[in-house]
Amino acid sequence: MSPTIFREGGFRFYFFSREEPRMHVHVQGQNGEAKFWLEPAIEVAQHTGLSRREISEVQRLVQEHENDIRNAWHKHFPG
């Protein structure tokens, strides 16, 4: 199960259930995908197929929606 947190700018932001405990978010775009750590700071964990411009845009969106992502994480992964 991979619930969608939100969609914006042609990207889908979502979690994979039971992947790993460190807070992170996955992002799917038309040209590829990425994973961003939220802790200890927001940073790219990995990416495939996305341009530097797309990575920068996605990182900006992760920063802009950080509280929404964190709240969704705690709701989806209680405890």
N, C-alpha and C. Protein backbone atom coordinates (compact mmCIF):
# COMPACT_ATOMS: atom_id res chain seq x y z
N MET A 1 0.83 -1.17 0.00
CA MET A 1 0.00 0.00 0.00
C MET A 1 0.89 1.25 0.00
N SER A 2 0.57 2.19 -0.86
CA SER A 2 1.36 3.42 -0.93
C SER A 2 0.42 4.63 -1.02
N PRO A 3 -0.01 5.12 0.14
CA PRO A 3 -0.96 6.23 0.15
C PRO A 3 -0.38 7.53 -0.39
N THR A 4 -1.17 8.22 -1.18
CA THR A 4 -0.78 9.53 -1.71
C THR A 4 -1.02 10.59 -0.64
N ILE A 5 -0.03 11.43 -0.41
CA ILE A 5 -0.14 12.52 0.55
C ILE A 5 -0.74 13.74 -0.15
N PHE A 6 -0.16 14.08 -1.32
CA PHE A 6 -0.69 15.16 -2.14
C PHE A 6 -0.08 15.08 -3.53
N ARG A 7 -0.66 15.82 -4.45
CA ARG A 7 -0.15 15.95 -5.81
C ARG A 7 0.00 17.44 -6.10
N GLU A 8 1.12 17.78 -6.71
CA GLU A 8 1.34 19.17 -7.08
C GLU A 8 2.42 19.25 -8.15
N GLY A 9 2.24 20.16 -9.10
CA GLY A 9 3.26 20.40 -10.12
C GLY A 9 3.58 19.20 -10.97
N GLY A 10 2.62 18.29 -11.13
CA GLY A 10 2.86 17.08 -11.92
C GLY A 10 3.55 15.97 -11.14
N PHE A 11 3.68 16.13 -9.84
CA PHE A 11 4.34 15.13 -9.00
C PHE A 11 3.36 14.55 -7.99
N ARG A 12 3.55 13.28 -7.69
CA ARG A 12 2.77 12.59 -6.65
C ARG A 12 3.71 12.33 -5.48
N PHE A 13 3.29 12.73 -4.28
CA PHE A 13 4.07 12.54 -3.06
C PHE A 13 3.38 11.46 -2.24
N TYR A 14 4.13 10.43 -1.84
CA TYR A 14 3.51 9.27 -1.21
C TYR A 14 4.49 8.53 -0.31
N PHE A 15 3.94 7.59 0.47
CA PHE A 15 4.73 6.70 1.32
C PHE A 15 4.61 5.28 0.79
N PHE A 16 5.63 4.47 1.07
CA PHE A 16 5.53 3.02 0.94
C PHE A 16 5.31 2.52 2.35
N SER A 17 4.36 1.67 2.55
CA SER A 17 4.12 1.13 3.88
C SER A 17 5.22 0.14 4.25
N ARG A 18 5.66 0.24 5.47
CA ARG A 18 6.62 -0.72 6.05
C ARG A 18 7.98 -0.75 5.34
N GLU A 19 8.40 0.35 4.79
CA GLU A 19 9.68 0.35 4.10
C GLU A 19 10.86 0.48 5.07
N GLU A 20 10.88 1.55 5.85
CA GLU A 20 11.92 1.78 6.84
C GLU A 20 11.44 2.84 7.82
N PRO A 21 11.99 2.87 9.03
CA PRO A 21 11.46 3.77 10.05
C PRO A 21 11.87 5.24 9.92
N ARG A 22 12.98 5.53 9.25
CA ARG A 22 13.42 6.92 9.12
C ARG A 22 12.43 7.71 8.26
N MET A 23 12.00 8.88 8.75
CA MET A 23 10.97 9.65 8.07
C MET A 23 11.46 10.11 6.69
N HIS A 24 10.64 9.79 5.67
CA HIS A 24 10.97 10.14 4.30
C HIS A 24 9.71 10.17 3.45
N VAL A 25 9.83 10.68 2.24
CA VAL A 25 8.71 10.73 1.32
C VAL A 25 9.21 10.36 -0.07
N HIS A 26 8.38 9.64 -0.80
CA HIS A 26 8.67 9.28 -2.19
C HIS A 26 7.94 10.24 -3.10
N VAL A 27 8.52 10.49 -4.27
CA VAL A 27 7.93 11.40 -5.24
C VAL A 27 8.01 10.76 -6.62
N GLN A 28 6.88 10.74 -7.31
CA GLN A 28 6.81 10.20 -8.67
C GLN A 28 6.47 11.33 -9.61
N GLY A 29 7.27 11.48 -10.65
CA GLY A 29 7.01 12.47 -11.70
C GLY A 29 6.90 11.77 -13.03
N GLN A 30 6.63 12.51 -14.06
CA GLN A 30 6.49 11.93 -15.39
C GLN A 30 7.80 11.31 -15.88
N ASN A 31 8.93 11.89 -15.49
CA ASN A 31 10.22 11.44 -16.00
C ASN A 31 11.01 10.54 -15.05
N GLY A 32 10.52 10.37 -13.83
CA GLY A 32 11.27 9.55 -12.89
C GLY A 32 10.72 9.67 -11.48
N GLU A 33 11.56 9.33 -10.53
CA GLU A 33 11.13 9.33 -9.13
C GLU A 33 12.29 9.70 -8.22
N ALA A 34 11.93 10.01 -6.98
CA ALA A 34 12.94 10.39 -5.98
C ALA A 34 12.44 10.00 -4.60
N LYS A 35 13.37 9.99 -3.68
CA LYS A 35 13.07 9.76 -2.27
C LYS A 35 13.81 10.85 -1.50
N PHE A 36 13.09 11.50 -0.58
CA PHE A 36 13.67 12.56 0.24
C PHE A 36 13.59 12.19 1.70
N TRP A 37 14.73 12.32 2.40
CA TRP A 37 14.74 12.21 3.85
C TRP A 37 14.14 13.48 4.42
N LEU A 38 13.41 13.36 5.53
CA LEU A 38 12.94 14.53 6.26
C LEU A 38 13.72 14.74 7.54
N GLU A 39 14.47 13.72 7.94
CA GLU A 39 15.26 13.81 9.17
C GLU A 39 16.65 13.27 8.93
N PRO A 40 17.67 13.87 9.47
CA PRO A 40 17.62 15.03 10.37
C PRO A 40 17.35 16.34 9.62
N ALA A 41 17.50 16.35 8.30
CA ALA A 41 17.18 17.53 7.49
C ALA A 41 16.61 17.04 6.16
N ILE A 42 15.92 17.91 5.47
CA ILE A 42 15.37 17.54 4.17
C ILE A 42 16.51 17.45 3.16
N GLU A 43 16.66 16.26 2.57
CA GLU A 43 17.70 16.06 1.56
C GLU A 43 17.32 14.90 0.66
N VAL A 44 17.89 14.89 -0.53
CA VAL A 44 17.63 13.82 -1.49
C VAL A 44 18.31 12.55 -1.00
N ALA A 45 17.56 11.47 -0.91
CA ALA A 45 18.13 10.17 -0.56
C ALA A 45 18.56 9.45 -1.83
N GLN A 46 17.72 9.52 -2.85
CA GLN A 46 18.02 8.90 -4.15
C GLN A 46 17.06 9.45 -5.19
N HIS A 47 17.45 9.33 -6.45
CA HIS A 47 16.56 9.75 -7.53
C HIS A 47 16.95 9.04 -8.82
N THR A 48 15.97 8.89 -9.69
CA THR A 48 16.17 8.24 -10.99
C THR A 48 15.35 8.98 -12.03
N GLY A 49 15.99 9.43 -13.08
CA GLY A 49 15.28 9.98 -14.23
C GLY A 49 14.85 11.43 -14.14
N LEU A 50 14.91 12.04 -12.96
CA LEU A 50 14.50 13.43 -12.82
C LEU A 50 15.69 14.36 -13.10
N SER A 51 15.42 15.47 -13.75
CA SER A 51 16.46 16.46 -14.05
C SER A 51 16.81 17.24 -12.78
N ARG A 52 17.90 17.99 -12.83
CA ARG A 52 18.27 18.84 -11.69
C ARG A 52 17.17 19.84 -11.39
N ARG A 53 16.57 20.38 -12.43
CA ARG A 53 15.47 21.34 -12.24
C ARG A 53 14.30 20.68 -11.53
N GLU A 54 13.96 19.44 -11.95
CA GLU A 54 12.86 18.72 -11.29
C GLU A 54 13.19 18.40 -9.84
N ILE A 55 14.41 17.98 -9.58
CA ILE A 55 14.83 17.69 -8.20
C ILE A 55 14.72 18.95 -7.35
N SER A 56 15.16 20.07 -7.88
CA SER A 56 15.06 21.34 -7.14
C SER A 56 13.60 21.70 -6.86
N GLU A 57 12.75 21.52 -7.86
CA GLU A 57 11.33 21.82 -7.68
C GLU A 57 10.70 20.90 -6.64
N VAL A 58 11.02 19.62 -6.72
CA VAL A 58 10.47 18.67 -5.75
C VAL A 58 10.96 18.99 -4.34
N GLN A 59 12.23 19.32 -4.21
CA GLN A 59 12.75 19.66 -2.88
C GLN A 59 12.03 20.90 -2.34
N ARG A 60 11.79 21.88 -3.19
CA ARG A 60 11.06 23.07 -2.77
C ARG A 60 9.66 22.69 -2.28
N LEU A 61 9.00 21.79 -3.01
CA LEU A 61 7.65 21.35 -2.62
C LEU A 61 7.67 20.57 -1.31
N VAL A 62 8.68 19.73 -1.13
CA VAL A 62 8.81 18.98 0.14
C VAL A 62 8.98 19.98 1.29
N GLN A 63 9.83 20.98 1.09
CA GLN A 63 10.03 21.99 2.15
C GLN A 63 8.74 22.76 2.41
N GLU A 64 8.05 23.13 1.35
CA GLU A 64 6.81 23.89 1.48
C GLU A 64 5.73 23.10 2.21
N HIS A 65 5.69 21.78 1.99
CA HIS A 65 4.65 20.93 2.57
C HIS A 65 5.18 20.05 3.70
N GLU A 66 6.30 20.43 4.28
CA GLU A 66 6.93 19.60 5.30
C GLU A 66 5.97 19.24 6.43
N ASN A 67 5.23 20.19 6.95
CA ASN A 67 4.31 19.90 8.06
C ASN A 67 3.22 18.93 7.64
N ASP A 68 2.69 19.09 6.43
CA ASP A 68 1.67 18.17 5.92
C ASP A 68 2.23 16.75 5.80
N ILE A 69 3.45 16.65 5.31
CA ILE A 69 4.09 15.33 5.13
C ILE A 69 4.32 14.68 6.50
N ARG A 70 4.84 15.47 7.45
CA ARG A 70 5.09 14.94 8.80
C ARG A 70 3.78 14.48 9.47
N ASN A 71 2.75 15.29 9.34
CA ASN A 71 1.45 14.91 9.92
C ASN A 71 0.91 13.64 9.28
N ALA A 72 1.03 13.53 7.97
CA ALA A 72 0.57 12.33 7.27
C ALA A 72 1.39 11.11 7.69
N TRP A 73 2.70 11.31 7.89
CA TRP A 73 3.58 10.21 8.34
C TRP A 73 3.10 9.68 9.69
N HIS A 74 2.87 10.58 10.63
CA HIS A 74 2.45 10.16 11.98
C HIS A 74 1.07 9.51 11.97
N LYS A 75 0.22 9.94 11.07
CA LYS A 75 -1.11 9.32 10.95
C LYS A 75 -1.00 7.93 10.33
N HIS A 76 -0.14 7.79 9.32
CA HIS A 76 0.00 6.50 8.63
C HIS A 76 0.85 5.50 9.42
N PHE A 77 1.84 6.01 10.14
CA PHE A 77 2.73 5.15 10.93
C PHE A 77 2.63 5.54 12.41
N PRO A 78 1.51 5.23 13.05
CA PRO A 78 1.34 5.62 14.46
C PRO A 78 2.35 4.92 15.37
N GLY A 79 2.73 5.63 16.42
CA GLY A 79 3.59 5.04 17.42
C GLY A 79 4.98 5.28 17.20
